[in-house]
Amino acid sequence: MLDREADLGIVKDEPAFRELQYVEVHTDEMVLIASPKHALAARTLASVSDLAGEPFVLHQGCAQTADMILRLFAQHGTRCRLVAELFSFENVKNFVQEGVGVAIVPAVTVRQELRDGTLKRVPLMPELPAISETLPGYDMTAWYGMLAPAGTPKPVVDKLNALMVKSLQSREIQESYAA
């Protein structure tokens, strides 16, 4: 995009380059997951300190998110025992399903596995302060957006945004998020 070889891009995180404009099109909650056989899977609540010493599988496909997860552990004075750093959510899910460790991932990436019972979501304690309250600027959501070069005419950006909104409102997309 910066070399003007592409006019539009899809990104997972806010771009670091000021030369690019972006429009947020989707946010997703990050969730703690475990194998159904894992001791934490039977818990109704867990805290970050409960993860001390637990084998942890980290998705490295997004350095910013991985860094924020590690900062979350540090902020709570909890050691993160990394046993695997993987570059695909499919691999992260497989490792967790096989009992290699637990992980924090975007909810959309495990929706089917949670529905099928091959993975379990482990809720974090609600009485804990929001992560953004203890780590200024931290937002434990994953979001996806569209990029266009800075200076792209507003009518073009508006049209792209309208098409994306229409797509996200489609029956198929709505059903996938309702599941």
Foldseek 3Di string as FASTA:
>chain_A
DVVPPDFKDKDWDDDPDPQKDKDWQDKFAKFKKAFCPDPLLPDQADALQNCAPFEEEAAPLDVVLSVLVCVLCVLVVGDHHYPYYHHDVVVVLVCRLVGVGMYIGTCLSCVVCCVVNSMGTRHYDPVDPDVCVSVPPDDRMITMIMMGGPPDDPVVVVVVSVVSVVVCPDPVNVVSVVD
